[in-house]
Amino acid sequence: MSRSETDGTKQDLLRSLAFGNGVSVNVHCLSRNLNKHRNTIQGRVEEIFEKKLLNPPIFPFMGLYKEYPLLVFVWSQLPYDEKIEAWFKEDPHIFAAFRSRYSEYNTLLILYHKDITSYQLWREQLAVEHKLPLINGSLPPSSTSFFSNQLVVKYDPNAPIRLLEEDLARTGHAQFDGQEIDSLTLQIIKLLTKGKCIKINENKLSKELGISRKTVINKTRELLKEKWISTPVCRFPNFFTPPGYILAISKLEIKGIRQKFIQSIRNDSHITMAFDIKENMYNILLFGAFQDLTQELEWEIKQGLYHPDAIGHVDIQYFSPKSILDINQTRISLGLIDKKYMYFRV
């Protein structure tokens, strides 16, 4: 399908915004909000990005979930070598790759696809191109689960910032991956993860894309209104968890009080994403962030106390920061935006 010139302009702008080009932290805004000298704030912001406590701001590409409505979990047995890990980082469908033992498998891949046919064709292409080692001409054995990106009941990747605030209030200090952070740094991180004090440089985008500043402003508004993007924000590098936290991916069987349980996890600072699922006896999929296994166990006990007799079967996998090989929503977003079939209403 052909694109009009207007469609092309919109797509080019979308790509820039999703990449974070022309998007930056508004140091003056932070200085004014926190009542601190601009130079102090500038130094803290630079330190936050240098230490990889946050990623630089982007306009999150929410169209990803419309264009790739299929969420796929694939457990597989894959060799530990550079070729495989390079593939994790390059494949336009792999959102996250984890190394962890589960049954006979050692790797979990989280994929985004258009539909099951797209996923099957992708697997066939892997075999044709020998992206993975073949066993008797076939890909390694795997276990696959399919979920819907259209059935998200919570989407708040930055929810754990409240856990850090609680730590600071309770103990007087908070940590990111063993790095002590003070109240000012945490306040900056909180504002940026809430999408506050982030600015767009329309003049820069205008020059780079060869369009007027007014066009940049109008097209950005259209993209936001049509929900191809959401307002700009900074996110944690590991997306699901703050630096140094473990990730718990849980499938739960919730009996009788599903809506009450869903409402409780929407208010739960540990839970970054949740899905309504149908897989055997399981009907809820959760992504949770925890400082350590002790905190996760305390959370489980608390859930049992809050919802007695409501939680049935549970399947939980844990991933330490060292087991996370790659998480890159931006790469998938840019790959999808660049596909020839991607076009926009005008």
C-alpha atoms as a PDB file:
ATOM      1  CA  MET A   1       0.000   0.000   0.000  1.00  0.00           C
ATOM      2  CA  SER A   2       1.412   3.342  -1.022  1.00  0.00           C
ATOM      3  CA  ARG A   3       2.064   6.144   1.419  1.00  0.00           C
ATOM      4  CA  SER A   4       1.215   9.769   0.758  1.00  0.00           C
ATOM      5  CA  GLU A   5       3.789  12.441   1.455  1.00  0.00           C
ATOM      6  CA  THR A   6       1.833  13.386   4.569  1.00  0.00           C
ATOM      7  CA  ASP A   7       1.917   9.780   5.773  1.00  0.00           C
ATOM      8  CA  GLY A   8       5.683   9.746   5.226  1.00  0.00           C
ATOM      9  CA  THR A   9       6.140  12.920   7.257  1.00  0.00           C
ATOM     10  CA  LYS A  10       4.097  11.432  10.066  1.00  0.00           C
ATOM     11  CA  GLN A  11       6.048   8.191  10.010  1.00  0.00           C
ATOM     12  CA  ASP A  12       9.401   9.996  10.028  1.00  0.00           C
ATOM     13  CA  LEU A  13       8.290  12.128  12.950  1.00  0.00           C
ATOM     14  CA  LEU A  14       6.992   9.063  14.786  1.00  0.00           C
ATOM     15  CA  ARG A  15      10.330   7.338  14.363  1.00  0.00           C
ATOM     16  CA  SER A  16      12.183  10.334  15.775  1.00  0.00           C
ATOM     17  CA  LEU A  17       9.881  10.663  18.767  1.00  0.00           C
ATOM     18  CA  ALA A  18       9.968   6.933  19.578  1.00  0.00           C
ATOM     19  CA  PHE A  19      13.774   7.011  19.403  1.00  0.00           C
ATOM     20  CA  GLY A  20      13.887  10.050  21.682  1.00  0.00           C
ATOM     21  CA  ASN A  21      15.353  12.374  19.092  1.00  0.00           C
ATOM     22  CA  GLY A  22      14.507  15.976  19.935  1.00  0.00           C
ATOM     23  CA  VAL A  23      13.272  14.900  23.395  1.00  0.00           C
ATOM     24  CA  SER A  24      15.219  15.934  26.486  1.00  0.00           C
ATOM     25  CA  VAL A  25      15.038  16.699  30.193  1.00  0.00           C
ATOM     26  CA  ASN A  26      13.907  20.229  31.047  1.00  0.00           C
ATOM     27  CA  VAL A  27      16.509  21.139  33.671  1.00  0.00           C
ATOM     28  CA  HIS A  28      14.951  24.564  34.267  1.00  0.00           C
ATOM     29  CA  CYS A  29      11.612  22.909  35.072  1.00  0.00           C
ATOM     30  CA  LEU A  30      13.256  20.499  37.519  1.00  0.00           C
ATOM     31  CA  SER A  31      15.180  23.359  39.136  1.00  0.00           C
ATOM     32  CA  ARG A  32      11.983  25.350  39.607  1.00  0.00           C
ATOM     33  CA  ASN A  33       9.963  22.380  40.915  1.00  0.00           C
ATOM     34  CA  LEU A  34      12.622  21.205  43.360  1.00  0.00           C
ATOM     35  CA  ASN A  35      13.860  24.672  44.352  1.00  0.00           C
ATOM     36  CA  LYS A  36      17.477  23.801  43.588  1.00  0.00           C
ATOM     37  CA  HIS A  37      20.158  25.573  41.559  1.00  0.00           C
ATOM     38  CA  ARG A  38      20.171  24.707  37.852  1.00  0.00           C
ATOM     39  CA  ASN A  39      23.798  23.512  37.966  1.00  0.00           C
ATOM     40  CA  THR A  40      23.014  21.142  40.839  1.00  0.00           C
ATOM     41  CA  ILE A  41      20.081  19.658  38.911  1.00  0.00           C
ATOM     42  CA  GLN A  42      22.113  19.427  35.688  1.00  0.00           C
ATOM     43  CA  GLY A  43      24.826  17.458  37.494  1.00  0.00           C
ATOM     44  CA  ARG A  44      22.315  15.053  39.027  1.00  0.00           C
ATOM     45  CA  VAL A  45      20.544  14.463  35.706  1.00  0.00           C
ATOM     46  CA  GLU A  46      23.843  13.669  33.976  1.00  0.00           C
ATOM     47  CA  GLU A  47      24.742  11.298  36.806  1.00  0.00           C
ATOM     48  CA  ILE A  48      21.375   9.497  36.550  1.00  0.00           C
ATOM     49  CA  PHE A  49      21.954   8.725  32.867  1.00  0.00           C
ATOM     50  CA  GLU A  50      25.694   7.971  33.232  1.00  0.00           C
ATOM     51  CA  LYS A  51      24.965   5.421  35.964  1.00  0.00           C
ATOM     52  CA  LYS A  52      22.098   4.000  33.888  1.00  0.00           C
ATOM     53  CA  LEU A  53      19.531   4.507  36.606  1.00  0.00           C
ATOM     54  CA  LEU A  54      17.114   5.662  33.898  1.00  0.00           C
ATOM     55  CA  ASN A  55      17.049   5.680  30.118  1.00  0.00           C
ATOM     56  CA  PRO A  56      16.843   9.070  28.366  1.00  0.00           C
ATOM     57  CA  PRO A  57      13.283  10.232  27.610  1.00  0.00           C
ATOM     58  CA  ILE A  58      11.268   8.964  24.655  1.00  0.00           C
ATOM     59  CA  PHE A  59       7.686   9.091  23.416  1.00  0.00           C
ATOM     60  CA  PRO A  60       6.662   5.434  24.066  1.00  0.00           C
ATOM     61  CA  PHE A  61       5.313   3.838  20.900  1.00  0.00           C
ATOM     62  CA  MET A  62       1.943   2.504  22.067  1.00  0.00           C
ATOM     63  CA  GLY A  63       1.035   1.519  18.512  1.00  0.00           C
ATOM     64  CA  LEU A  64       3.277  -1.488  19.126  1.00  0.00           C
ATOM     65  CA  TYR A  65       0.441  -3.216  20.944  1.00  0.00           C
ATOM     66  CA  LYS A  66      -2.047  -2.480  18.172  1.00  0.00           C
ATOM     67  CA  GLU A  67       0.229  -3.708  15.393  1.00  0.00           C
ATOM     68  CA  TYR A  68       1.680  -6.624  17.399  1.00  0.00           C
ATOM     69  CA  PRO A  69      -1.293  -7.841  19.474  1.00  0.00           C
ATOM     70  CA  LEU A  70       0.254 -11.284  20.104  1.00  0.00           C
ATOM     71  CA  LEU A  71       2.549 -11.722  23.113  1.00  0.00           C
ATOM     72  CA  VAL A  72       4.594 -14.931  22.964  1.00  0.00           C
ATOM     73  CA  PHE A  73       6.650 -16.661  25.668  1.00  0.00           C
ATOM     74  CA  VAL A  74       9.120 -19.197  24.337  1.00  0.00           C
ATOM     75  CA  TRP A  75      11.198 -21.396  26.640  1.00  0.00           C
ATOM     76  CA  SER A  76      14.037 -23.105  24.770  1.00  0.00           C
ATOM     77  CA  GLN A  77      17.418 -24.785  25.229  1.00  0.00           C
ATOM     78  CA  LEU A  78      19.977 -22.552  23.514  1.00  0.00           C
ATOM     79  CA  PRO A  79      23.787 -22.536  23.610  1.00  0.00           C
ATOM     80  CA  TYR A  80      25.696 -19.870  25.504  1.00  0.00           C
ATOM     81  CA  ASP A  81      27.637 -18.174  22.715  1.00  0.00           C
ATOM     82  CA  GLU A  82      28.086 -14.742  21.173  1.00  0.00           C
ATOM     83  CA  LYS A  83      26.201 -15.579  17.979  1.00  0.00           C
ATOM     84  CA  ILE A  84      23.042 -16.442  19.891  1.00  0.00           C
ATOM     85  CA  GLU A  85      23.299 -13.386  22.118  1.00  0.00           C
ATOM     86  CA  ALA A  86      23.824 -11.152  19.092  1.00  0.00           C
ATOM     87  CA  TRP A  87      20.621 -12.603  17.645  1.00  0.00           C
ATOM     88  CA  PHE A  88      18.756 -11.713  20.871  1.00  0.00           C
ATOM     89  CA  LYS A  89      19.788  -8.091  20.367  1.00  0.00           C
ATOM     90  CA  GLU A  90      19.108  -7.910  16.622  1.00  0.00           C
ATOM     91  CA  ASP A  91      15.858  -9.768  16.030  1.00  0.00           C
ATOM     92  CA  PRO A  92      13.022  -7.251  15.538  1.00  0.00           C
ATOM     93  CA  HIS A  93      10.495  -9.467  17.364  1.00  0.00           C
ATOM     94  CA  ILE A  94      12.435 -10.210  20.556  1.00  0.00           C
ATOM     95  CA  PHE A  95      11.430  -7.807  23.300  1.00  0.00           C
ATOM     96  CA  ALA A  96      13.319  -9.544  26.107  1.00  0.00           C
ATOM     97  CA  ALA A  97      15.712 -12.461  26.546  1.00  0.00           C
ATOM     98  CA  PHE A  98      16.457 -14.140  29.878  1.00  0.00           C
ATOM     99  CA  ARG A  99      18.825 -16.930  30.862  1.00  0.00           C
ATOM    100  CA  SER A 100      17.371 -19.127  33.580  1.00  0.00           C
ATOM    101  CA  ARG A 101      16.787 -22.839  34.193  1.00  0.00           C
ATOM    102  CA  TYR A 102      13.193 -23.990  33.856  1.00  0.00           C
ATOM    103  CA  SER A 103      12.452 -27.679  33.366  1.00  0.00           C
ATOM    104  CA  GLU A 104      14.723 -28.786  30.497  1.00  0.00           C
ATOM    105  CA  TYR A 105      15.112 -25.244  29.151  1.00  0.00           C
ATOM    106  CA  ASN A 106      17.642 -22.477  29.846  1.00  0.00           C
ATOM    107  CA  THR A 107      16.262 -19.443  27.965  1.00  0.00           C
ATOM    108  CA  LEU A 108      13.034 -17.467  27.995  1.00  0.00           C
ATOM    109  CA  LEU A 109      12.236 -15.210  25.056  1.00  0.00           C
ATOM    110  CA  ILE A 110       9.407 -12.676  25.145  1.00  0.00           C
ATOM    111  CA  LEU A 111       8.242 -11.879  21.614  1.00  0.00           C
ATOM    112  CA  TYR A 112       5.774  -9.569  19.913  1.00  0.00           C
ATOM    113  CA  HIS A 113       4.011 -10.747  16.744  1.00  0.00           C
ATOM    114  CA  LYS A 114       1.043  -9.808  14.607  1.00  0.00           C
ATOM    115  CA  ASP A 115      -0.626 -13.226  14.898  1.00  0.00           C
ATOM    116  CA  ILE A 116       0.130 -16.940  15.188  1.00  0.00           C
ATOM    117  CA  THR A 117       0.768 -17.210  11.456  1.00  0.00           C
ATOM    118  CA  SER A 118       3.383 -14.451  11.726  1.00  0.00           C
ATOM    119  CA  TYR A 119       5.010 -16.298  14.615  1.00  0.00           C
ATOM    120  CA  GLN A 120       5.106 -19.608  12.719  1.00  0.00           C
ATOM    121  CA  LEU A 121       6.602 -17.982   9.619  1.00  0.00           C
ATOM    122  CA  TRP A 122       9.207 -16.316  11.845  1.00  0.00           C
ATOM    123  CA  ARG A 123      10.197 -19.700  13.263  1.00  0.00           C
ATOM    124  CA  GLU A 124      10.438 -21.209   9.779  1.00  0.00           C
ATOM    125  CA  GLN A 125      12.715 -18.372   8.702  1.00  0.00           C
ATOM    126  CA  LEU A 126      14.970 -18.990  11.703  1.00  0.00           C
ATOM    127  CA  ALA A 127      15.458 -22.560  10.504  1.00  0.00           C
ATOM    128  CA  VAL A 128      16.031 -21.516   6.892  1.00  0.00           C
ATOM    129  CA  GLU A 129      18.643 -18.934   7.873  1.00  0.00           C
ATOM    130  CA  HIS A 130      20.223 -21.187  10.539  1.00  0.00           C
ATOM    131  CA  LYS A 131      19.833 -18.470  13.152  1.00  0.00           C
ATOM    132  CA  LEU A 132      19.655 -21.229  15.770  1.00  0.00           C
ATOM    133  CA  PRO A 133      21.461 -24.577  15.884  1.00  0.00           C
ATOM    134  CA  LEU A 134      19.270 -27.230  14.235  1.00  0.00           C
ATOM    135  CA  ILE A 135      18.649 -30.686  15.655  1.00  0.00           C
ATOM    136  CA  ASN A 136      17.957 -33.201  12.878  1.00  0.00           C
ATOM    137  CA  GLY A 137      16.973 -30.298  10.656  1.00  0.00           C
ATOM    138  CA  SER A 138      14.598 -28.753  13.184  1.00  0.00           C
ATOM    139  CA  LEU A 139      14.793 -25.954  15.718  1.00  0.00           C
ATOM    140  CA  PRO A 140      15.599 -26.912  19.326  1.00  0.00           C
ATOM    141  CA  PRO A 141      12.641 -28.170  21.416  1.00  0.00           C
ATOM    142  CA  SER A 142      10.655 -25.392  23.043  1.00  0.00           C
ATOM    143  CA  SER A 143       7.575 -24.640  25.120  1.00  0.00           C
ATOM    144  CA  THR A 144       5.372 -21.821  23.840  1.00  0.00           C
ATOM    145  CA  SER A 145       2.602 -19.755  25.434  1.00  0.00           C
ATOM    146  CA  PHE A 146       0.431 -17.219  23.636  1.00  0.00           C
ATOM    147  CA  PHE A 147      -1.168 -14.192  25.295  1.00  0.00           C
ATOM    148  CA  SER A 148      -2.961 -11.078  24.068  1.00  0.00           C
ATOM    149  CA  ASN A 149      -1.527  -7.566  24.253  1.00  0.00           C
ATOM    150  CA  GLN A 150      -5.132  -6.420  23.962  1.00  0.00           C
ATOM    151  CA  LEU A 151      -5.937  -7.879  27.401  1.00  0.00           C
ATOM    152  CA  VAL A 152      -3.585  -5.778  29.512  1.00  0.00           C
ATOM    153  CA  VAL A 153      -5.168  -4.969  32.877  1.00  0.00           C
ATOM    154  CA  LYS A 154      -2.209  -2.958  34.181  1.00  0.00           C
ATOM    155  CA  TYR A 155       0.559  -1.141  32.310  1.00  0.00           C
ATOM    156  CA  ASP A 156       2.800   0.883  34.610  1.00  0.00           C
ATOM    157  CA  PRO A 157       6.503   0.052  34.037  1.00  0.00           C
ATOM    158  CA  ASN A 158       7.562   2.795  36.454  1.00  0.00           C
ATOM    159  CA  ALA A 159       5.288   1.727  39.342  1.00  0.00           C
ATOM    160  CA  PRO A 160       8.234   0.551  41.551  1.00  0.00           C
ATOM    161  CA  ILE A 161       9.392   4.146  42.037  1.00  0.00           C
ATOM    162  CA  ARG A 162       6.950   4.156  44.952  1.00  0.00           C
ATOM    163  CA  LEU A 163       8.889   1.287  46.550  1.00  0.00           C
ATOM    164  CA  LEU A 164      12.025   3.415  46.534  1.00  0.00           C
ATOM    165  CA  GLU A 165      10.124   6.321  48.070  1.00  0.00           C
ATOM    166  CA  GLU A 166       8.887   4.012  50.828  1.00  0.00           C
ATOM    167  CA  ASP A 167      12.453   2.799  51.466  1.00  0.00           C
ATOM    168  CA  LEU A 168      13.709   6.362  51.724  1.00  0.00           C
ATOM    169  CA  ALA A 169      10.914   7.367  54.098  1.00  0.00           C
ATOM    170  CA  ARG A 170      11.335   4.259  56.273  1.00  0.00           C
ATOM    171  CA  THR A 171      15.123   3.865  56.422  1.00  0.00           C
ATOM    172  CA  GLY A 172      16.497   7.216  55.304  1.00  0.00           C
ATOM    173  CA  HIS A 173      18.162   5.769  52.206  1.00  0.00           C
ATOM    174  CA  ALA A 174      17.333   4.024  48.933  1.00  0.00           C
ATOM    175  CA  GLN A 175      19.413   1.972  46.527  1.00  0.00           C
ATOM    176  CA  PHE A 176      19.558   1.287  42.815  1.00  0.00           C
ATOM    177  CA  ASP A 177      21.655  -1.793  42.114  1.00  0.00           C
ATOM    178  CA  GLY A 178      23.780  -1.189  45.208  1.00  0.00           C
ATOM    179  CA  GLN A 179      24.182   2.514  44.437  1.00  0.00           C
ATOM    180  CA  GLU A 180      23.028   4.774  47.246  1.00  0.00           C
ATOM    181  CA  ILE A 181      20.779   7.616  46.115  1.00  0.00           C
ATOM    182  CA  ASP A 182      19.654  10.577  48.160  1.00  0.00           C
ATOM    183  CA  SER A 183      16.332  12.377  48.357  1.00  0.00           C
ATOM    184  CA  LEU A 184      17.109  14.911  45.605  1.00  0.00           C
ATOM    185  CA  THR A 185      18.155  12.262  43.084  1.00  0.00           C
ATOM    186  CA  LEU A 186      15.055  10.230  43.884  1.00  0.00           C
ATOM    187  CA  GLN A 187      12.824  13.277  43.462  1.00  0.00           C
ATOM    188  CA  ILE A 188      14.339  13.882  40.010  1.00  0.00           C
ATOM    189  CA  ILE A 189      13.877  10.225  39.076  1.00  0.00           C
ATOM    190  CA  LYS A 190      10.276  10.330  40.273  1.00  0.00           C
ATOM    191  CA  LEU A 191       9.442  13.391  38.181  1.00  0.00           C
ATOM    192  CA  LEU A 192      11.075  11.943  35.066  1.00  0.00           C
ATOM    193  CA  THR A 193       9.366   8.555  35.451  1.00  0.00           C
ATOM    194  CA  LYS A 194       6.071  10.427  35.771  1.00  0.00           C
ATOM    195  CA  GLY A 195       6.787  12.258  32.512  1.00  0.00           C
ATOM    196  CA  LYS A 196       7.283  15.594  34.232  1.00  0.00           C
ATOM    197  CA  CYS A 197       9.862  18.193  33.151  1.00  0.00           C
ATOM    198  CA  ILE A 198      10.511  16.589  29.751  1.00  0.00           C
ATOM    199  CA  LYS A 199      10.526  18.809  26.686  1.00  0.00           C
ATOM    200  CA  ILE A 200      10.432  18.416  22.919  1.00  0.00           C
ATOM    201  CA  ASN A 201      12.675  20.512  20.676  1.00  0.00           C
ATOM    202  CA  GLU A 202      10.363  21.258  17.758  1.00  0.00           C
ATOM    203  CA  ASN A 203      12.978  23.436  16.042  1.00  0.00           C
ATOM    204  CA  LYS A 204      15.527  20.601  15.979  1.00  0.00           C
ATOM    205  CA  LEU A 205      12.972  18.134  14.608  1.00  0.00           C
ATOM    206  CA  SER A 206      11.818  20.710  12.066  1.00  0.00           C
ATOM    207  CA  LYS A 207      15.349  21.117  10.674  1.00  0.00           C
ATOM    208  CA  GLU A 208      16.182  17.401  10.680  1.00  0.00           C
ATOM    209  CA  LEU A 209      12.919  16.315   9.035  1.00  0.00           C
ATOM    210  CA  GLY A 210      12.663  19.256   6.647  1.00  0.00           C
ATOM    211  CA  ILE A 211       9.210  20.286   7.799  1.00  0.00           C
ATOM    212  CA  SER A 212       7.854  23.358   9.554  1.00  0.00           C
ATOM    213  CA  ARG A 213       7.773  23.700  13.319  1.00  0.00           C
ATOM    214  CA  LYS A 214       3.979  24.025  13.129  1.00  0.00           C
ATOM    215  CA  THR A 215       3.804  20.696  11.281  1.00  0.00           C
ATOM    216  CA  VAL A 216       5.903  19.041  13.992  1.00  0.00           C
ATOM    217  CA  ILE A 217       3.527  20.344  16.664  1.00  0.00           C
ATOM    218  CA  ASN A 218       0.351  19.380  14.784  1.00  0.00           C
ATOM    219  CA  LYS A 219       1.550  15.903  13.781  1.00  0.00           C
ATOM    220  CA  THR A 220       2.771  15.182  17.306  1.00  0.00           C
ATOM    221  CA  ARG A 221      -0.668  16.077  18.623  1.00  0.00           C
ATOM    222  CA  GLU A 222      -2.280  13.782  16.051  1.00  0.00           C
ATOM    223  CA  LEU A 223      -0.012  10.881  17.016  1.00  0.00           C
ATOM    224  CA  LEU A 224      -0.893  11.385  20.677  1.00  0.00           C
ATOM    225  CA  LYS A 225      -4.621  11.702  19.957  1.00  0.00           C
ATOM    226  CA  GLU A 226      -4.617   8.547  17.817  1.00  0.00           C
ATOM    227  CA  LYS A 227      -2.671   6.766  20.585  1.00  0.00           C
ATOM    228  CA  TRP A 228       0.265   5.784  18.416  1.00  0.00           C
ATOM    229  CA  ILE A 229       2.449   7.303  21.126  1.00  0.00           C
ATOM    230  CA  SER A 230       2.012   8.358  24.743  1.00  0.00           C
ATOM    231  CA  THR A 231       3.461  11.445  26.386  1.00  0.00           C
ATOM    232  CA  PRO A 232       7.266  11.439  26.845  1.00  0.00           C
ATOM    233  CA  VAL A 233       8.748   9.673  29.846  1.00  0.00           C
ATOM    234  CA  CYS A 234      11.978   8.181  31.196  1.00  0.00           C
ATOM    235  CA  ARG A 235      11.984   4.467  31.993  1.00  0.00           C
ATOM    236  CA  PHE A 236      14.172   2.017  33.838  1.00  0.00           C
ATOM    237  CA  PRO A 237      16.756   0.311  31.569  1.00  0.00           C
ATOM    238  CA  ASN A 238      15.284  -3.128  32.399  1.00  0.00           C
ATOM    239  CA  PHE A 239      11.750  -1.833  31.703  1.00  0.00           C
ATOM    240  CA  PHE A 240      10.002  -4.170  34.184  1.00  0.00           C
ATOM    241  CA  THR A 241      12.195  -3.400  37.212  1.00  0.00           C
ATOM    242  CA  PRO A 242      14.441  -0.708  38.709  1.00  0.00           C
ATOM    243  CA  PRO A 243      18.188  -1.429  38.437  1.00  0.00           C
ATOM    244  CA  GLY A 244      19.243  -4.251  40.766  1.00  0.00           C
ATOM    245  CA  TYR A 245      15.729  -5.580  41.387  1.00  0.00           C
ATOM    246  CA  ILE A 246      14.691  -9.131  40.550  1.00  0.00           C
ATOM    247  CA  LEU A 247      11.852  -9.793  38.130  1.00  0.00           C
ATOM    248  CA  ALA A 248       9.130 -12.289  39.041  1.00  0.00           C
ATOM    249  CA  ILE A 249       6.884 -13.483  36.210  1.00  0.00           C
ATOM    250  CA  SER A 250       3.843 -15.181  37.690  1.00  0.00           C
ATOM    251  CA  LYS A 251       0.868 -17.057  36.305  1.00  0.00           C
ATOM    252  CA  LEU A 252      -1.946 -17.302  38.859  1.00  0.00           C
ATOM    253  CA  GLU A 253      -5.265 -19.012  39.162  1.00  0.00           C
ATOM    254  CA  ILE A 254      -7.619 -16.490  40.794  1.00  0.00           C
ATOM    255  CA  LYS A 255     -10.939 -17.871  41.949  1.00  0.00           C
ATOM    256  CA  GLY A 256     -14.138 -15.928  42.421  1.00  0.00           C
ATOM    257  CA  ILE A 257     -12.770 -12.434  43.095  1.00  0.00           C
ATOM    258  CA  ARG A 258     -10.839 -11.686  39.911  1.00  0.00           C
ATOM    259  CA  GLN A 259     -12.046  -8.085  39.655  1.00  0.00           C
ATOM    260  CA  LYS A 260     -11.179  -7.380  43.281  1.00  0.00           C
ATOM    261  CA  PHE A 261      -7.756  -8.946  42.779  1.00  0.00           C
ATOM    262  CA  ILE A 262      -7.163  -6.977  39.573  1.00  0.00           C
ATOM    263  CA  GLN A 263      -8.054  -3.744  41.370  1.00  0.00           C
ATOM    264  CA  SER A 264      -5.598  -4.559  44.152  1.00  0.00           C
ATOM    265  CA  ILE A 265      -2.701  -5.177  41.751  1.00  0.00           C
ATOM    266  CA  ARG A 266      -3.471  -1.948  39.910  1.00  0.00           C
ATOM    267  CA  ASN A 267      -2.610  -0.223  43.186  1.00  0.00           C
ATOM    268  CA  ASP A 268       0.365  -2.500  43.910  1.00  0.00           C
ATOM    269  CA  SER A 269       3.772  -0.821  43.480  1.00  0.00           C
ATOM    270  CA  HIS A 270       5.471  -4.175  42.879  1.00  0.00           C
ATOM    271  CA  ILE A 271       3.408  -4.979  39.767  1.00  0.00           C
ATOM    272  CA  THR A 272       4.485  -3.285  36.553  1.00  0.00           C
ATOM    273  CA  MET A 273       2.322  -5.185  34.064  1.00  0.00           C
ATOM    274  CA  ALA A 274      -0.613  -7.576  34.297  1.00  0.00           C
ATOM    275  CA  PHE A 275      -2.582  -9.516  31.690  1.00  0.00           C
ATOM    276  CA  ASP A 276      -5.893 -11.311  31.580  1.00  0.00           C
ATOM    277  CA  ILE A 277      -4.998 -14.773  30.262  1.00  0.00           C
ATOM    278  CA  LYS A 278      -6.501 -18.192  29.629  1.00  0.00           C
ATOM    279  CA  GLU A 279      -3.881 -20.940  29.937  1.00  0.00           C
ATOM    280  CA  ASN A 280      -4.913 -24.196  31.579  1.00  0.00           C
ATOM    281  CA  MET A 281      -6.055 -23.185  35.088  1.00  0.00           C
ATOM    282  CA  TYR A 282      -4.240 -19.817  35.018  1.00  0.00           C
ATOM    283  CA  ASN A 283      -6.142 -16.586  34.381  1.00  0.00           C
ATOM    284  CA  ILE A 284      -3.741 -13.780  35.431  1.00  0.00           C
ATOM    285  CA  LEU A 285      -0.173 -13.070  34.274  1.00  0.00           C
ATOM    286  CA  LEU A 286       1.917 -10.676  36.383  1.00  0.00           C
ATOM    287  CA  PHE A 287       5.295  -8.983  36.030  1.00  0.00           C
ATOM    288  CA  GLY A 288       6.597  -7.995  39.467  1.00  0.00           C
ATOM    289  CA  ALA A 289       9.659  -6.097  40.747  1.00  0.00           C
ATOM    290  CA  PHE A 290      11.276  -7.016  44.064  1.00  0.00           C
ATOM    291  CA  GLN A 291      14.475  -6.075  45.867  1.00  0.00           C
ATOM    292  CA  ASP A 292      15.182  -9.725  46.660  1.00  0.00           C
ATOM    293  CA  LEU A 293      13.490 -13.093  47.122  1.00  0.00           C
ATOM    294  CA  THR A 294      12.672 -12.302  50.744  1.00  0.00           C
ATOM    295  CA  GLN A 295      10.600  -9.305  49.674  1.00  0.00           C
ATOM    296  CA  GLU A 296       8.879 -11.394  47.000  1.00  0.00           C
ATOM    297  CA  LEU A 297       8.014 -14.094  49.561  1.00  0.00           C
ATOM    298  CA  GLU A 298       6.601 -11.448  51.911  1.00  0.00           C
ATOM    299  CA  TRP A 299       4.497 -10.169  49.012  1.00  0.00           C
ATOM    300  CA  GLU A 300       3.173 -13.698  48.343  1.00  0.00           C
ATOM    301  CA  ILE A 301       2.247 -14.159  52.002  1.00  0.00           C
ATOM    302  CA  LYS A 302       0.502 -10.784  52.050  1.00  0.00           C
ATOM    303  CA  GLN A 303      -1.511 -11.706  48.944  1.00  0.00           C
ATOM    304  CA  GLY A 304      -2.592 -14.921  50.639  1.00  0.00           C
ATOM    305  CA  LEU A 305      -3.744 -12.959  53.690  1.00  0.00           C
ATOM    306  CA  TYR A 306      -5.559 -10.335  51.616  1.00  0.00           C
ATOM    307  CA  HIS A 307      -7.249 -12.894  49.367  1.00  0.00           C
ATOM    308  CA  PRO A 308      -7.760 -16.081  51.423  1.00  0.00           C
ATOM    309  CA  ASP A 309      -8.944 -19.078  49.376  1.00  0.00           C
ATOM    310  CA  ALA A 310      -8.893 -16.961  46.208  1.00  0.00           C
ATOM    311  CA  ILE A 311      -5.443 -17.914  44.898  1.00  0.00           C
ATOM    312  CA  GLY A 312      -5.207 -21.427  43.512  1.00  0.00           C
ATOM    313  CA  HIS A 313      -2.372 -22.727  41.344  1.00  0.00           C
ATOM    314  CA  VAL A 314       0.686 -20.503  40.969  1.00  0.00           C
ATOM    315  CA  ASP A 315       3.642 -20.721  38.562  1.00  0.00           C
ATOM    316  CA  ILE A 316       6.467 -18.239  39.278  1.00  0.00           C
ATOM    317  CA  GLN A 317       9.856 -17.759  37.597  1.00  0.00           C
ATOM    318  CA  TYR A 318      12.498 -15.438  38.989  1.00  0.00           C
ATOM    319  CA  PHE A 319      15.112 -13.535  37.007  1.00  0.00           C
ATOM    320  CA  SER A 320      18.022 -11.699  38.584  1.00  0.00           C
ATOM    321  CA  PRO A 321      19.487  -8.646  36.824  1.00  0.00           C
ATOM    322  CA  LYS A 322      22.392 -10.815  35.641  1.00  0.00           C
ATOM    323  CA  SER A 323      20.022 -13.242  33.914  1.00  0.00           C
ATOM    324  CA  ILE A 324      18.480 -10.454  31.799  1.00  0.00           C
ATOM    325  CA  LEU A 325      20.377 -10.431  28.501  1.00  0.00           C
ATOM    326  CA  ASP A 326      18.394  -7.859  26.602  1.00  0.00           C
ATOM    327  CA  ILE A 327      15.270  -5.739  26.932  1.00  0.00           C
ATOM    328  CA  ASN A 328      14.657  -3.241  24.159  1.00  0.00           C
ATOM    329  CA  GLN A 329      11.189  -1.993  23.347  1.00  0.00           C
ATOM    330  CA  THR A 330      12.625   0.876  21.318  1.00  0.00           C
ATOM    331  CA  ARG A 331      14.330  -1.470  18.860  1.00  0.00           C
ATOM    332  CA  ILE A 332      11.100  -3.374  18.214  1.00  0.00           C
ATOM    333  CA  SER A 333       9.181  -0.130  17.884  1.00  0.00           C
ATOM    334  CA  LEU A 334      11.603   1.298  15.324  1.00  0.00           C
ATOM    335  CA  GLY A 335      11.650  -1.965  13.377  1.00  0.00           C
ATOM    336  CA  LEU A 336       7.872  -1.989  13.206  1.00  0.00           C
ATOM    337  CA  ILE A 337       7.643   1.671  12.225  1.00  0.00           C
ATOM    338  CA  ASP A 338      10.045   0.991   9.351  1.00  0.00           C
ATOM    339  CA  LYS A 339       7.969  -1.875   7.928  1.00  0.00           C
ATOM    340  CA  LYS A 340       6.449  -1.084   4.547  1.00  0.00           C
ATOM    341  CA  TYR A 341       2.888  -1.892   5.635  1.00  0.00           C
ATOM    342  CA  MET A 342       3.009   0.697   8.426  1.00  0.00           C
ATOM    343  CA  TYR A 343       0.963   3.746   7.470  1.00  0.00           C
ATOM    344  CA  PHE A 344      -1.102   6.336   9.286  1.00  0.00           C
ATOM    345  CA  ARG A 345      -4.439   8.013   8.992  1.00  0.00           C
ATOM    346  CA  VAL A 346      -4.303  11.649   7.896  1.00  0.00           C
END
